[in-house]
């Protein structure tokens, strides 16, 4: 079975469960924009990713007509700090939107060692 968080992603991969949980946590606020963005999550596909070992995901809707675009929102739409098991900040995660559609889930590291797996929501600080 292919690992959708690997750097050799092909286009049109299903969104991994870890990405769903992460997006839901990052977009949890009860605002019109976040409600519209959360409604897009079940319709997302992974269309690519970063060439480095990070688990960043390029996103697109499988069928853009299946769900409405979100009202205007800032970019990044959401962001949080990623902490390790000891609670030490080690990087961050950012959600980007293009024309009201979720387009990128970016994960980055502040350390020499990259974050190579999508962090779980319990490792986020807003």
N, C-alpha and C. Protein backbone atom coordinates (compact mmCIF):
# COMPACT_ATOMS: atom_id res chain seq x y z
N UNK A 1 0.84 -1.18 0.00
CA UNK A 1 0.00 0.00 0.00
C UNK A 1 0.88 1.24 0.00
N UNK A 2 0.53 2.23 -0.78
CA UNK A 2 1.30 3.47 -0.85
C UNK A 2 1.05 4.31 0.38
N UNK A 3 2.11 4.95 0.87
CA UNK A 3 2.02 5.87 2.00
C UNK A 3 1.75 7.26 1.43
N UNK A 4 0.54 7.83 1.63
CA UNK A 4 0.22 9.13 1.05
C UNK A 4 1.02 10.27 1.65
N UNK A 5 1.79 10.02 2.73
CA UNK A 5 2.62 11.07 3.29
C UNK A 5 4.05 10.99 2.78
N UNK A 6 4.35 10.04 1.91
CA UNK A 6 5.68 9.90 1.35
C UNK A 6 5.93 10.99 0.31
N UNK A 7 7.22 11.27 0.04
CA UNK A 7 7.55 12.35 -0.89
C UNK A 7 7.32 11.96 -2.34
N UNK A 8 7.08 10.70 -2.65
CA UNK A 8 6.85 10.30 -4.04
C UNK A 8 5.36 10.20 -4.35
N UNK A 9 4.57 11.10 -3.78
CA UNK A 9 3.12 11.09 -3.99
C UNK A 9 2.79 11.25 -5.46
N UNK A 10 1.77 10.57 -5.85
CA UNK A 10 1.24 10.77 -7.19
C UNK A 10 0.02 11.68 -7.08
N UNK A 11 -0.44 12.16 -8.19
CA UNK A 11 -1.60 13.04 -8.14
C UNK A 11 -2.85 12.24 -7.85
N UNK A 12 -3.81 12.91 -7.27
CA UNK A 12 -5.13 12.37 -7.00
C UNK A 12 -5.15 11.28 -5.94
N UNK A 13 -4.22 11.33 -4.99
CA UNK A 13 -4.24 10.39 -3.86
C UNK A 13 -5.34 10.81 -2.88
N UNK A 14 -5.93 9.85 -2.17
CA UNK A 14 -6.90 10.22 -1.14
C UNK A 14 -6.21 10.98 -0.02
N UNK A 15 -6.95 11.81 0.66
CA UNK A 15 -6.43 12.56 1.80
C UNK A 15 -6.26 11.60 2.97
N UNK A 16 -5.04 11.48 3.53
CA UNK A 16 -4.85 10.54 4.65
C UNK A 16 -5.61 11.00 5.89
N UNK A 17 -5.99 10.04 6.72
CA UNK A 17 -6.75 10.32 7.94
C UNK A 17 -6.03 11.32 8.84
N UNK A 18 -4.69 11.26 8.88
CA UNK A 18 -3.92 12.19 9.70
C UNK A 18 -4.11 13.62 9.21
N UNK A 19 -4.20 13.80 7.90
CA UNK A 19 -4.41 15.14 7.34
C UNK A 19 -5.82 15.63 7.64
N UNK A 20 -6.79 14.74 7.59
CA UNK A 20 -8.17 15.11 7.92
C UNK A 20 -8.23 15.61 9.36
N UNK A 21 -7.65 14.86 10.29
CA UNK A 21 -7.67 15.25 11.71
C UNK A 21 -6.96 16.58 11.92
N UNK A 22 -5.84 16.78 11.24
CA UNK A 22 -5.07 18.01 11.37
C UNK A 22 -5.84 19.21 10.82
N UNK A 23 -6.43 19.07 9.64
CA UNK A 23 -7.22 20.15 9.06
C UNK A 23 -8.43 20.49 9.93
N UNK A 24 -9.11 19.46 10.44
CA UNK A 24 -10.28 19.71 11.30
C UNK A 24 -9.88 20.47 12.56
N UNK A 25 -8.72 20.13 13.13
CA UNK A 25 -8.25 20.83 14.33
C UNK A 25 -7.86 22.27 14.01
N UNK A 26 -7.18 22.49 12.91
CA UNK A 26 -6.74 23.82 12.53
C UNK A 26 -7.90 24.73 12.13
N UNK A 27 -8.97 24.13 11.62
CA UNK A 27 -10.12 24.90 11.13
C UNK A 27 -11.33 24.75 12.06
N UNK A 28 -11.09 24.57 13.35
CA UNK A 28 -12.16 24.27 14.30
C UNK A 28 -13.01 25.48 14.67
N UNK A 29 -12.53 26.69 14.45
CA UNK A 29 -13.29 27.88 14.86
C UNK A 29 -14.64 27.92 14.14
N UNK A 30 -15.63 28.42 14.85
CA UNK A 30 -16.99 28.48 14.30
C UNK A 30 -17.20 29.82 13.60
N UNK A 31 -16.58 29.94 12.43
CA UNK A 31 -16.75 31.13 11.59
C UNK A 31 -17.30 30.68 10.24
N UNK A 32 -17.95 31.56 9.50
CA UNK A 32 -18.46 31.15 8.18
C UNK A 32 -17.35 30.60 7.27
N UNK A 33 -16.19 31.24 7.27
CA UNK A 33 -15.09 30.78 6.41
C UNK A 33 -14.62 29.38 6.83
N UNK A 34 -14.41 29.17 8.13
CA UNK A 34 -13.93 27.87 8.59
C UNK A 34 -14.98 26.78 8.41
N UNK A 35 -16.26 27.10 8.59
CA UNK A 35 -17.30 26.10 8.33
C UNK A 35 -17.27 25.68 6.86
N UNK A 36 -17.12 26.63 5.96
CA UNK A 36 -17.07 26.33 4.52
C UNK A 36 -15.81 25.53 4.18
N UNK A 37 -14.69 25.88 4.80
CA UNK A 37 -13.45 25.13 4.54
C UNK A 37 -13.54 23.71 5.09
N UNK A 38 -14.12 23.53 6.28
CA UNK A 38 -14.29 22.18 6.83
C UNK A 38 -15.18 21.33 5.93
N UNK A 39 -16.18 21.93 5.31
CA UNK A 39 -17.07 21.19 4.41
C UNK A 39 -16.33 20.67 3.18
N UNK A 40 -15.19 21.27 2.86
CA UNK A 40 -14.40 20.83 1.71
C UNK A 40 -13.56 19.59 2.02
N UNK A 41 -13.25 19.36 3.27
CA UNK A 41 -12.31 18.29 3.65
C UNK A 41 -12.68 16.93 3.07
N UNK A 42 -13.93 16.47 3.14
CA UNK A 42 -14.25 15.14 2.58
C UNK A 42 -14.07 15.05 1.07
N UNK A 43 -13.97 16.19 0.41
CA UNK A 43 -13.87 16.21 -1.05
C UNK A 43 -12.44 16.44 -1.55
N UNK A 44 -11.47 16.53 -0.62
CA UNK A 44 -10.09 16.84 -0.99
C UNK A 44 -9.34 15.63 -1.48
N UNK A 45 -8.39 15.89 -2.37
CA UNK A 45 -7.43 14.90 -2.86
C UNK A 45 -6.04 15.51 -2.70
N UNK A 46 -5.04 14.66 -2.54
CA UNK A 46 -3.65 15.10 -2.50
C UNK A 46 -3.16 15.15 -3.94
N UNK A 47 -2.67 16.32 -4.35
CA UNK A 47 -2.20 16.47 -5.73
C UNK A 47 -0.70 16.56 -5.84
N UNK A 48 -0.01 16.55 -4.72
CA UNK A 48 1.45 16.60 -4.73
C UNK A 48 1.95 16.90 -3.34
N UNK A 49 3.24 17.12 -3.27
CA UNK A 49 3.86 17.42 -2.00
C UNK A 49 5.25 17.95 -2.22
N UNK A 50 5.90 18.27 -1.16
CA UNK A 50 7.23 18.85 -1.18
C UNK A 50 8.27 17.78 -1.53
N UNK A 51 9.33 18.17 -2.20
CA UNK A 51 10.40 17.23 -2.55
C UNK A 51 11.29 16.89 -1.36
N UNK A 52 11.28 17.74 -0.34
CA UNK A 52 12.06 17.45 0.87
C UNK A 52 11.33 16.40 1.70
N UNK A 53 11.89 15.96 2.81
CA UNK A 53 11.21 14.92 3.61
C UNK A 53 9.99 15.39 4.39
N UNK A 54 9.64 16.67 4.34
CA UNK A 54 8.48 17.15 5.11
C UNK A 54 7.20 16.54 4.56
N UNK A 55 6.16 16.47 5.39
CA UNK A 55 4.91 15.85 4.96
C UNK A 55 3.89 16.84 4.36
N UNK A 56 4.35 18.00 3.89
CA UNK A 56 3.43 18.99 3.32
C UNK A 56 2.64 18.39 2.17
N UNK A 57 1.38 18.81 2.04
CA UNK A 57 0.49 18.26 1.01
C UNK A 57 -0.13 19.36 0.17
N UNK A 58 -0.01 19.24 -1.15
CA UNK A 58 -0.77 20.09 -2.07
C UNK A 58 -2.16 19.47 -2.16
N UNK A 59 -3.19 20.32 -2.09
CA UNK A 59 -4.57 19.84 -2.02
C UNK A 59 -5.41 20.41 -3.15
N UNK A 60 -6.43 19.65 -3.56
CA UNK A 60 -7.42 20.14 -4.53
C UNK A 60 -8.71 19.37 -4.30
N UNK A 61 -9.80 19.99 -4.67
CA UNK A 61 -11.09 19.31 -4.58
C UNK A 61 -11.22 18.33 -5.73
N UNK A 62 -11.70 17.14 -5.44
CA UNK A 62 -11.92 16.13 -6.48
C UNK A 62 -12.94 16.64 -7.49
N UNK A 63 -13.99 17.28 -6.98
CA UNK A 63 -15.02 17.87 -7.83
C UNK A 63 -15.35 19.25 -7.27
N UNK A 64 -14.76 20.31 -7.82
CA UNK A 64 -14.99 21.65 -7.28
C UNK A 64 -16.46 22.05 -7.22
N UNK A 65 -17.29 21.48 -8.06
CA UNK A 65 -18.72 21.83 -8.05
C UNK A 65 -19.47 21.17 -6.89
N UNK A 66 -18.84 20.21 -6.22
CA UNK A 66 -19.51 19.47 -5.15
C UNK A 66 -19.66 20.27 -3.86
N UNK A 67 -18.87 21.32 -3.71
CA UNK A 67 -18.88 22.09 -2.46
C UNK A 67 -18.55 23.55 -2.78
N UNK A 68 -19.13 24.44 -2.01
CA UNK A 68 -18.94 25.88 -2.24
C UNK A 68 -17.57 26.36 -1.80
N UNK A 69 -17.11 27.41 -2.45
CA UNK A 69 -15.89 28.09 -2.02
C UNK A 69 -16.18 28.81 -0.71
N UNK A 70 -15.16 28.96 0.09
CA UNK A 70 -15.30 29.67 1.36
C UNK A 70 -15.36 31.17 1.10
N UNK A 71 -16.02 31.90 2.01
CA UNK A 71 -15.98 33.36 1.91
C UNK A 71 -14.52 33.82 2.02
N UNK A 72 -14.28 35.03 1.64
CA UNK A 72 -12.92 35.57 1.68
C UNK A 72 -12.29 35.31 3.04
N UNK A 73 -11.06 34.85 3.01
CA UNK A 73 -10.31 34.58 4.23
C UNK A 73 -8.86 35.01 4.02
N UNK A 74 -8.17 35.26 5.10
CA UNK A 74 -6.76 35.63 5.02
C UNK A 74 -5.94 34.41 4.64
N UNK A 75 -4.74 34.66 4.12
CA UNK A 75 -3.79 33.59 3.87
C UNK A 75 -2.54 33.89 4.67
N UNK A 76 -2.07 32.98 5.48
CA UNK A 76 -2.64 31.66 5.65
C UNK A 76 -3.99 31.72 6.38
N UNK A 77 -4.81 30.75 6.09
CA UNK A 77 -6.14 30.68 6.71
C UNK A 77 -6.03 30.26 8.17
N UNK A 78 -5.07 29.39 8.46
CA UNK A 78 -4.86 28.91 9.83
C UNK A 78 -3.40 28.51 9.99
N UNK A 79 -2.92 28.60 11.21
CA UNK A 79 -1.55 28.16 11.49
C UNK A 79 -1.42 27.83 12.97
N UNK A 80 -0.46 26.99 13.27
CA UNK A 80 -0.20 26.60 14.66
C UNK A 80 1.25 26.16 14.79
N UNK A 81 1.73 26.18 16.00
CA UNK A 81 3.06 25.69 16.33
C UNK A 81 2.96 24.20 16.62
N UNK A 82 3.95 23.44 16.17
CA UNK A 82 4.04 22.01 16.44
C UNK A 82 5.03 21.82 17.59
N UNK A 83 4.64 21.02 18.58
CA UNK A 83 5.51 20.73 19.72
C UNK A 83 5.86 19.24 19.75
N UNK A 84 7.01 18.94 20.36
CA UNK A 84 7.38 17.53 20.50
C UNK A 84 6.71 16.93 21.73
N UNK A 85 7.06 15.70 22.07
CA UNK A 85 6.43 14.99 23.19
C UNK A 85 6.64 15.71 24.52
N UNK A 86 7.72 16.50 24.62
CA UNK A 86 8.00 17.24 25.86
C UNK A 86 7.36 18.62 25.88
N UNK A 87 6.67 18.99 24.79
CA UNK A 87 6.04 20.30 24.72
C UNK A 87 6.94 21.40 24.19
N UNK A 88 8.11 21.02 23.68
CA UNK A 88 9.04 21.98 23.12
C UNK A 88 8.65 22.30 21.68
N UNK A 89 8.51 23.57 21.32
CA UNK A 89 8.19 23.92 19.94
C UNK A 89 9.28 23.46 18.98
N UNK A 90 8.87 22.76 17.92
CA UNK A 90 9.83 22.23 16.95
C UNK A 90 9.54 22.68 15.51
N UNK A 91 8.42 23.35 15.29
CA UNK A 91 8.08 23.79 13.94
C UNK A 91 6.67 24.32 13.89
N UNK A 92 6.07 24.20 12.72
CA UNK A 92 4.72 24.72 12.57
C UNK A 92 3.98 24.06 11.44
N UNK A 93 2.71 24.41 11.37
CA UNK A 93 1.83 23.92 10.31
C UNK A 93 0.97 25.10 9.86
N UNK A 94 0.77 25.19 8.54
CA UNK A 94 0.03 26.31 7.95
C UNK A 94 -0.96 25.75 6.94
N UNK A 95 -2.16 26.35 6.90
CA UNK A 95 -3.18 26.00 5.91
C UNK A 95 -3.35 27.19 4.97
N UNK A 96 -3.21 26.92 3.67
CA UNK A 96 -3.39 27.95 2.66
C UNK A 96 -4.64 27.70 1.85
N UNK A 97 -5.24 28.79 1.38
CA UNK A 97 -6.47 28.74 0.59
C UNK A 97 -6.23 29.53 -0.70
N UNK A 98 -6.73 28.99 -1.80
CA UNK A 98 -6.68 29.69 -3.08
C UNK A 98 -8.10 29.80 -3.62
N UNK A 99 -8.56 31.03 -3.83
CA UNK A 99 -9.91 31.28 -4.35
C UNK A 99 -10.99 30.55 -3.55
N UNK A 100 -10.86 30.58 -2.22
CA UNK A 100 -11.86 29.98 -1.35
C UNK A 100 -11.78 28.47 -1.23
N UNK A 101 -10.72 27.88 -1.75
CA UNK A 101 -10.54 26.42 -1.72
C UNK A 101 -9.26 26.07 -0.96
N UNK A 102 -9.33 25.04 -0.13
CA UNK A 102 -8.12 24.56 0.54
C UNK A 102 -7.12 24.13 -0.52
N UNK A 103 -5.86 24.61 -0.39
CA UNK A 103 -4.89 24.32 -1.44
C UNK A 103 -3.55 23.77 -0.94
N UNK A 104 -3.21 23.99 0.33
CA UNK A 104 -1.92 23.52 0.82
C UNK A 104 -1.96 23.35 2.33
N UNK A 105 -1.46 22.22 2.78
CA UNK A 105 -1.21 21.95 4.19
C UNK A 105 0.30 21.85 4.32
N UNK A 106 0.92 22.89 4.86
CA UNK A 106 2.38 22.96 4.92
C UNK A 106 2.86 22.67 6.34
N UNK A 107 3.86 21.80 6.45
CA UNK A 107 4.48 21.47 7.73
C UNK A 107 5.95 21.81 7.61
N UNK A 108 6.48 22.55 8.61
CA UNK A 108 7.88 22.94 8.56
C UNK A 108 8.52 22.75 9.93
N UNK A 109 9.84 22.65 9.93
CA UNK A 109 10.60 22.41 11.15
C UNK A 109 11.50 23.61 11.44
N UNK A 110 11.74 23.87 12.72
CA UNK A 110 12.69 24.90 13.12
C UNK A 110 14.05 24.28 13.43
N UNK A 111 14.12 22.98 13.49
CA UNK A 111 15.36 22.28 13.85
C UNK A 111 16.05 21.78 12.59
N UNK A 112 17.27 21.29 12.77
CA UNK A 112 18.01 20.71 11.65
C UNK A 112 17.32 19.46 11.13
N UNK A 113 16.69 18.72 12.03
CA UNK A 113 15.98 17.50 11.64
C UNK A 113 14.56 17.86 11.23
N UNK A 114 14.14 17.49 10.01
CA UNK A 114 12.80 17.87 9.56
C UNK A 114 11.70 17.05 10.25
N UNK A 115 10.52 17.62 10.28
CA UNK A 115 9.34 16.88 10.70
C UNK A 115 8.95 16.05 9.47
N UNK A 116 8.86 14.73 9.63
CA UNK A 116 8.63 13.87 8.48
C UNK A 116 7.25 13.23 8.43
N UNK A 117 6.46 13.42 9.49
CA UNK A 117 5.09 12.88 9.53
C UNK A 117 4.15 14.01 9.91
N UNK A 118 2.92 13.91 9.45
CA UNK A 118 1.92 14.90 9.85
C UNK A 118 1.74 14.84 11.36
N UNK A 119 1.81 15.98 12.04
CA UNK A 119 1.65 15.96 13.50
C UNK A 119 0.19 15.69 13.87
N UNK A 120 0.02 15.07 15.02
CA UNK A 120 -1.35 14.85 15.51
C UNK A 120 -1.85 16.16 16.12
N UNK A 121 -3.16 16.36 16.13
CA UNK A 121 -3.71 17.60 16.68
C UNK A 121 -3.30 17.90 18.11
N UNK A 122 -2.99 16.87 18.91
CA UNK A 122 -2.58 17.13 20.29
C UNK A 122 -1.16 17.70 20.39
N UNK A 123 -0.47 17.81 19.26
CA UNK A 123 0.86 18.41 19.22
C UNK A 123 0.84 19.84 18.67
N UNK A 124 -0.35 20.47 18.65
CA UNK A 124 -0.48 21.82 18.13
C UNK A 124 -0.70 22.83 19.25
N UNK A 125 -0.08 23.98 19.10
CA UNK A 125 -0.33 25.15 19.95
C UNK A 125 -0.80 26.25 19.03
N UNK A 126 -1.90 26.89 19.36
CA UNK A 126 -2.41 27.97 18.51
C UNK A 126 -1.64 29.25 18.72
